[in-house]
Amino acid sequence: MLSGLEEAYTCTEVPEAKLRVELMGMKGENVMGMGPDLSWMFDFSGTVMPIFLIVMVGILAVSAGRGLLQWSRNNSSPMLTIPARIVSKRSEIRQQQVQEDNGSSRTSTTYYLTYELNGGSRIEFKVDGHEYGMSAEGDKGMLTYQGTRYHGFERQPQYSTAE
């Protein structure tokens, strides 16, 4: 004697394997032995990939937005020329391995100068190699900048009174 549910499947001529799967609550399981169940791939491409792409686009948008905001702030800041003194020099060396068979690498150097203003506050700017090489700690002069943009440093000559 069949139950009502089994009769419904039997009456509509549902294959025995499918009936067994649906009655056991195991939809998507491979009962027939035809290979692994690949339904997870459709879930991956249908849910995980779009979420990943949305996160990546969001990161790019935030990064671009921050760059535009800094650019706008610099443009709206006044150009200042004030007395300052170089208190520190530093360089940052980065080395990257090149993806070639010969094992070569690429090196870049970024130069920074730290200035002390008359009020005692300090400000650091990225400068080019020539400006870095021509500067010495203790140099005094007029610093020109706009927001976070460095525009130059004009040294004032210092004369010694030694006889």
C-alpha atoms as a PDB file:
ATOM      1  CA  MET A   1       0.000   0.000   0.000  1.00  0.00           C
ATOM      2  CA  LEU A   2       1.389   3.409  -1.035  1.00  0.00           C
ATOM      3  CA  SER A   3       1.055   6.674   0.861  1.00  0.00           C
ATOM      4  CA  GLY A   4      -0.630   9.672  -0.773  1.00  0.00           C
ATOM      5  CA  LEU A   5       2.682  11.325  -1.688  1.00  0.00           C
ATOM      6  CA  GLU A   6       4.076   8.159  -3.242  1.00  0.00           C
ATOM      7  CA  GLU A   7       0.851   7.676  -5.167  1.00  0.00           C
ATOM      8  CA  ALA A   8       1.118  11.212  -6.585  1.00  0.00           C
ATOM      9  CA  TYR A   9       4.594  10.505  -7.906  1.00  0.00           C
ATOM     10  CA  THR A  10       3.600   7.095  -9.126  1.00  0.00           C
ATOM     11  CA  CYS A  11       0.576   8.440 -10.949  1.00  0.00           C
ATOM     12  CA  THR A  12       2.587  11.076 -12.812  1.00  0.00           C
ATOM     13  CA  GLU A  13       5.231   8.501 -13.737  1.00  0.00           C
ATOM     14  CA  VAL A  14       8.209  10.134 -11.957  1.00  0.00           C
ATOM     15  CA  PRO A  15      11.378   8.049 -12.330  1.00  0.00           C
ATOM     16  CA  GLU A  16      12.232   6.011  -9.242  1.00  0.00           C
ATOM     17  CA  ALA A  17      15.620   7.731  -8.645  1.00  0.00           C
ATOM     18  CA  LYS A  18      14.071  11.204  -8.663  1.00  0.00           C
ATOM     19  CA  LEU A  19      11.288  10.025  -6.376  1.00  0.00           C
ATOM     20  CA  ARG A  20      13.841   8.684  -3.919  1.00  0.00           C
ATOM     21  CA  VAL A  21      15.834  11.956  -3.992  1.00  0.00           C
ATOM     22  CA  GLU A  22      12.812  14.199  -3.479  1.00  0.00           C
ATOM     23  CA  LEU A  23      11.303  12.037  -0.764  1.00  0.00           C
ATOM     24  CA  MET A  24      14.592  12.047   1.147  1.00  0.00           C
ATOM     25  CA  GLY A  25      14.946  15.856   0.820  1.00  0.00           C
ATOM     26  CA  MET A  26      18.258  15.589  -1.042  1.00  0.00           C
ATOM     27  CA  LYS A  27      17.648  17.680  -4.155  1.00  0.00           C
ATOM     28  CA  GLY A  28      20.859  18.242  -6.115  1.00  0.00           C
ATOM     29  CA  GLU A  29      22.590  15.094  -4.831  1.00  0.00           C
ATOM     30  CA  ASN A  30      23.901  12.806  -7.478  1.00  0.00           C
ATOM     31  CA  VAL A  31      21.951   9.578  -7.136  1.00  0.00           C
ATOM     32  CA  MET A  32      22.470   8.109 -10.569  1.00  0.00           C
ATOM     33  CA  GLY A  33      26.294   8.034 -10.340  1.00  0.00           C
ATOM     34  CA  MET A  34      26.805  10.315 -13.345  1.00  0.00           C
ATOM     35  CA  GLY A  35      29.696  12.308 -11.790  1.00  0.00           C
ATOM     36  CA  PRO A  36      30.091  15.003  -9.164  1.00  0.00           C
ATOM     37  CA  ASP A  37      27.411  17.572  -8.479  1.00  0.00           C
ATOM     38  CA  LEU A  38      28.475  20.796 -10.174  1.00  0.00           C
ATOM     39  CA  SER A  39      25.646  23.044  -9.013  1.00  0.00           C
ATOM     40  CA  TRP A  40      28.060  24.936  -6.702  1.00  0.00           C
ATOM     41  CA  MET A  41      29.750  26.411  -9.788  1.00  0.00           C
ATOM     42  CA  PHE A  42      26.568  28.169 -10.775  1.00  0.00           C
ATOM     43  CA  ASP A  43      26.245  29.527  -7.244  1.00  0.00           C
ATOM     44  CA  PHE A  44      29.873  30.735  -7.383  1.00  0.00           C
ATOM     45  CA  SER A  45      29.481  32.564 -10.678  1.00  0.00           C
ATOM     46  CA  GLY A  46      26.004  33.747  -9.794  1.00  0.00           C
ATOM     47  CA  THR A  47      26.735  35.126  -6.321  1.00  0.00           C
ATOM     48  CA  VAL A  48      30.411  35.184  -5.349  1.00  0.00           C
ATOM     49  CA  MET A  49      31.786  36.740  -8.550  1.00  0.00           C
ATOM     50  CA  PRO A  50      29.291  39.635  -8.655  1.00  0.00           C
ATOM     51  CA  ILE A  51      29.978  40.402  -4.991  1.00  0.00           C
ATOM     52  CA  PHE A  52      33.739  40.303  -5.651  1.00  0.00           C
ATOM     53  CA  LEU A  53      33.371  42.635  -8.640  1.00  0.00           C
ATOM     54  CA  ILE A  54      31.187  45.050  -6.669  1.00  0.00           C
ATOM     55  CA  VAL A  55      33.784  45.161  -3.864  1.00  0.00           C
ATOM     56  CA  MET A  56      36.617  45.779  -6.355  1.00  0.00           C
ATOM     57  CA  VAL A  57      34.697  48.569  -8.110  1.00  0.00           C
ATOM     58  CA  GLY A  58      33.916  50.063  -4.687  1.00  0.00           C
ATOM     59  CA  ILE A  59      37.589  50.047  -3.694  1.00  0.00           C
ATOM     60  CA  LEU A  60      38.536  51.736  -6.973  1.00  0.00           C
ATOM     61  CA  ALA A  61      35.783  54.333  -6.566  1.00  0.00           C
ATOM     62  CA  VAL A  62      36.847  55.172  -2.996  1.00  0.00           C
ATOM     63  CA  SER A  63      40.484  55.441  -4.050  1.00  0.00           C
ATOM     64  CA  ALA A  64      39.654  57.702  -6.996  1.00  0.00           C
ATOM     65  CA  GLY A  65      37.368  59.775  -4.789  1.00  0.00           C
ATOM     66  CA  ARG A  66      40.082  60.317  -2.202  1.00  0.00           C
ATOM     67  CA  GLY A  67      42.535  61.368  -4.923  1.00  0.00           C
ATOM     68  CA  LEU A  68      40.043  63.832  -6.395  1.00  0.00           C
ATOM     69  CA  LEU A  69      39.251  65.209  -2.944  1.00  0.00           C
ATOM     70  CA  GLN A  70      42.967  65.797  -2.198  1.00  0.00           C
ATOM     71  CA  TRP A  71      43.441  67.418  -5.618  1.00  0.00           C
ATOM     72  CA  SER A  72      40.460  69.704  -4.979  1.00  0.00           C
ATOM     73  CA  ARG A  73      41.732  70.670  -1.509  1.00  0.00           C
ATOM     74  CA  ASN A  74      45.163  71.495  -2.929  1.00  0.00           C
ATOM     75  CA  ASN A  75      43.623  73.641  -5.671  1.00  0.00           C
ATOM     76  CA  SER A  76      41.515  75.568  -3.160  1.00  0.00           C
ATOM     77  CA  SER A  77      44.459  76.114  -0.764  1.00  0.00           C
ATOM     78  CA  PRO A  78      46.421  79.350  -1.076  1.00  0.00           C
ATOM     79  CA  MET A  79      49.994  79.309  -2.395  1.00  0.00           C
ATOM     80  CA  LEU A  80      52.193  80.022   0.647  1.00  0.00           C
ATOM     81  CA  THR A  81      55.792  81.228   0.722  1.00  0.00           C
ATOM     82  CA  ILE A  82      57.136  81.202   4.275  1.00  0.00           C
ATOM     83  CA  PRO A  83      60.525  81.082   6.032  1.00  0.00           C
ATOM     84  CA  ALA A  84      61.578  77.529   6.886  1.00  0.00           C
ATOM     85  CA  ARG A  85      64.594  75.392   7.741  1.00  0.00           C
ATOM     86  CA  ILE A  86      65.412  71.864   6.502  1.00  0.00           C
ATOM     87  CA  VAL A  87      65.558  69.615   9.554  1.00  0.00           C
ATOM     88  CA  SER A  88      65.611  66.165   7.968  1.00  0.00           C
ATOM     89  CA  LYS A  89      66.281  64.307   4.727  1.00  0.00           C
ATOM     90  CA  ARG A  90      65.210  60.769   4.011  1.00  0.00           C
ATOM     91  CA  SER A  91      64.920  58.436   1.070  1.00  0.00           C
ATOM     92  CA  GLU A  92      62.809  55.363   0.469  1.00  0.00           C
ATOM     93  CA  ILE A  93      64.188  52.630  -1.779  1.00  0.00           C
ATOM     94  CA  ARG A  94      61.853  50.087  -3.334  1.00  0.00           C
ATOM     95  CA  GLN A  95      62.965  47.004  -5.181  1.00  0.00           C
ATOM     96  CA  GLN A  96      60.716  44.909  -7.427  1.00  0.00           C
ATOM     97  CA  GLN A  97      61.544  41.562  -8.950  1.00  0.00           C
ATOM     98  CA  VAL A  98      60.949  41.506 -12.709  1.00  0.00           C
ATOM     99  CA  GLN A  99      59.059  38.468 -14.022  1.00  0.00           C
ATOM    100  CA  GLU A 100      61.825  37.350 -16.358  1.00  0.00           C
ATOM    101  CA  ASP A 101      64.086  34.315 -16.435  1.00  0.00           C
ATOM    102  CA  ASN A 102      67.287  36.247 -15.746  1.00  0.00           C
ATOM    103  CA  GLY A 103      66.201  37.243 -12.215  1.00  0.00           C
ATOM    104  CA  SER A 104      66.702  40.983 -12.682  1.00  0.00           C
ATOM    105  CA  SER A 105      65.060  43.562 -10.449  1.00  0.00           C
ATOM    106  CA  ARG A 106      63.867  47.150 -10.714  1.00  0.00           C
ATOM    107  CA  THR A 107      64.734  49.725  -8.075  1.00  0.00           C
ATOM    108  CA  SER A 108      63.155  53.138  -7.472  1.00  0.00           C
ATOM    109  CA  THR A 109      64.048  55.791  -4.928  1.00  0.00           C
ATOM    110  CA  THR A 110      61.676  58.387  -3.478  1.00  0.00           C
ATOM    111  CA  TYR A 111      63.137  61.427  -1.715  1.00  0.00           C
ATOM    112  CA  TYR A 112      61.629  63.452   1.146  1.00  0.00           C
ATOM    113  CA  LEU A 113      62.608  66.697   2.881  1.00  0.00           C
ATOM    114  CA  THR A 114      61.226  67.786   6.265  1.00  0.00           C
ATOM    115  CA  TYR A 115      60.956  71.507   6.924  1.00  0.00           C
ATOM    116  CA  GLU A 116      60.493  73.261  10.228  1.00  0.00           C
ATOM    117  CA  LEU A 117      58.401  76.410  10.075  1.00  0.00           C
ATOM    118  CA  ASN A 118      58.838  79.472  12.314  1.00  0.00           C
ATOM    119  CA  GLY A 119      56.135  78.297  14.728  1.00  0.00           C
ATOM    120  CA  GLY A 120      57.994  75.030  15.343  1.00  0.00           C
ATOM    121  CA  SER A 121      55.617  72.865  13.262  1.00  0.00           C
ATOM    122  CA  ARG A 122      57.122  70.485  10.726  1.00  0.00           C
ATOM    123  CA  ILE A 123      55.972  69.519   7.267  1.00  0.00           C
ATOM    124  CA  GLU A 124      57.385  66.871   4.915  1.00  0.00           C
ATOM    125  CA  PHE A 125      57.292  66.928   1.121  1.00  0.00           C
ATOM    126  CA  LYS A 126      58.259  64.485  -1.595  1.00  0.00           C
ATOM    127  CA  VAL A 127      60.943  66.076  -3.794  1.00  0.00           C
ATOM    128  CA  ASP A 128      62.889  65.077  -6.897  1.00  0.00           C
ATOM    129  CA  GLY A 129      66.431  63.723  -6.730  1.00  0.00           C
ATOM    130  CA  HIS A 130      68.095  66.966  -7.826  1.00  0.00           C
ATOM    131  CA  GLU A 131      66.340  69.014  -5.127  1.00  0.00           C
ATOM    132  CA  TYR A 132      67.235  66.340  -2.550  1.00  0.00           C
ATOM    133  CA  GLY A 133      70.893  66.310  -3.583  1.00  0.00           C
ATOM    134  CA  MET A 134      71.194  70.099  -3.444  1.00  0.00           C
ATOM    135  CA  SER A 135      69.681  70.278   0.060  1.00  0.00           C
ATOM    136  CA  ALA A 136      71.425  69.932   3.386  1.00  0.00           C
ATOM    137  CA  GLU A 137      70.044  69.708   6.892  1.00  0.00           C
ATOM    138  CA  GLY A 138      70.143  73.154   8.462  1.00  0.00           C
ATOM    139  CA  ASP A 139      69.575  75.068   5.209  1.00  0.00           C
ATOM    140  CA  LYS A 140      67.374  78.122   5.746  1.00  0.00           C
ATOM    141  CA  GLY A 141      65.246  79.775   3.117  1.00  0.00           C
ATOM    142  CA  MET A 142      61.781  80.407   1.757  1.00  0.00           C
ATOM    143  CA  LEU A 143      59.496  77.380   1.310  1.00  0.00           C
ATOM    144  CA  THR A 144      56.712  77.605  -1.281  1.00  0.00           C
ATOM    145  CA  TYR A 145      53.838  75.126  -1.152  1.00  0.00           C
ATOM    146  CA  GLN A 146      50.117  74.786  -1.795  1.00  0.00           C
ATOM    147  CA  GLY A 147      48.254  72.321   0.417  1.00  0.00           C
ATOM    148  CA  THR A 148      50.291  69.115   0.107  1.00  0.00           C
ATOM    149  CA  ARG A 149      52.013  70.204  -3.142  1.00  0.00           C
ATOM    150  CA  TYR A 150      55.655  71.186  -2.925  1.00  0.00           C
ATOM    151  CA  HIS A 151      56.591  74.091  -5.225  1.00  0.00           C
ATOM    152  CA  GLY A 152      60.156  74.817  -4.168  1.00  0.00           C
ATOM    153  CA  PHE A 153      62.645  75.992  -1.600  1.00  0.00           C
ATOM    154  CA  GLU A 154      64.851  79.029  -2.200  1.00  0.00           C
ATOM    155  CA  ARG A 155      67.926  78.908   0.029  1.00  0.00           C
ATOM    156  CA  GLN A 156      69.211  82.045   1.685  1.00  0.00           C
ATOM    157  CA  PRO A 157      72.974  82.313   1.635  1.00  0.00           C
ATOM    158  CA  GLN A 158      74.684  81.974   4.998  1.00  0.00           C
ATOM    159  CA  TYR A 159      77.974  83.710   5.459  1.00  0.00           C
ATOM    160  CA  SER A 160      80.541  82.762   8.039  1.00  0.00           C
ATOM    161  CA  THR A 161      82.088  85.459  10.192  1.00  0.00           C
ATOM    162  CA  ALA A 162      85.198  83.406  10.896  1.00  0.00           C
ATOM    163  CA  GLU A 163      88.436  85.317  10.317  1.00  0.00           C
END
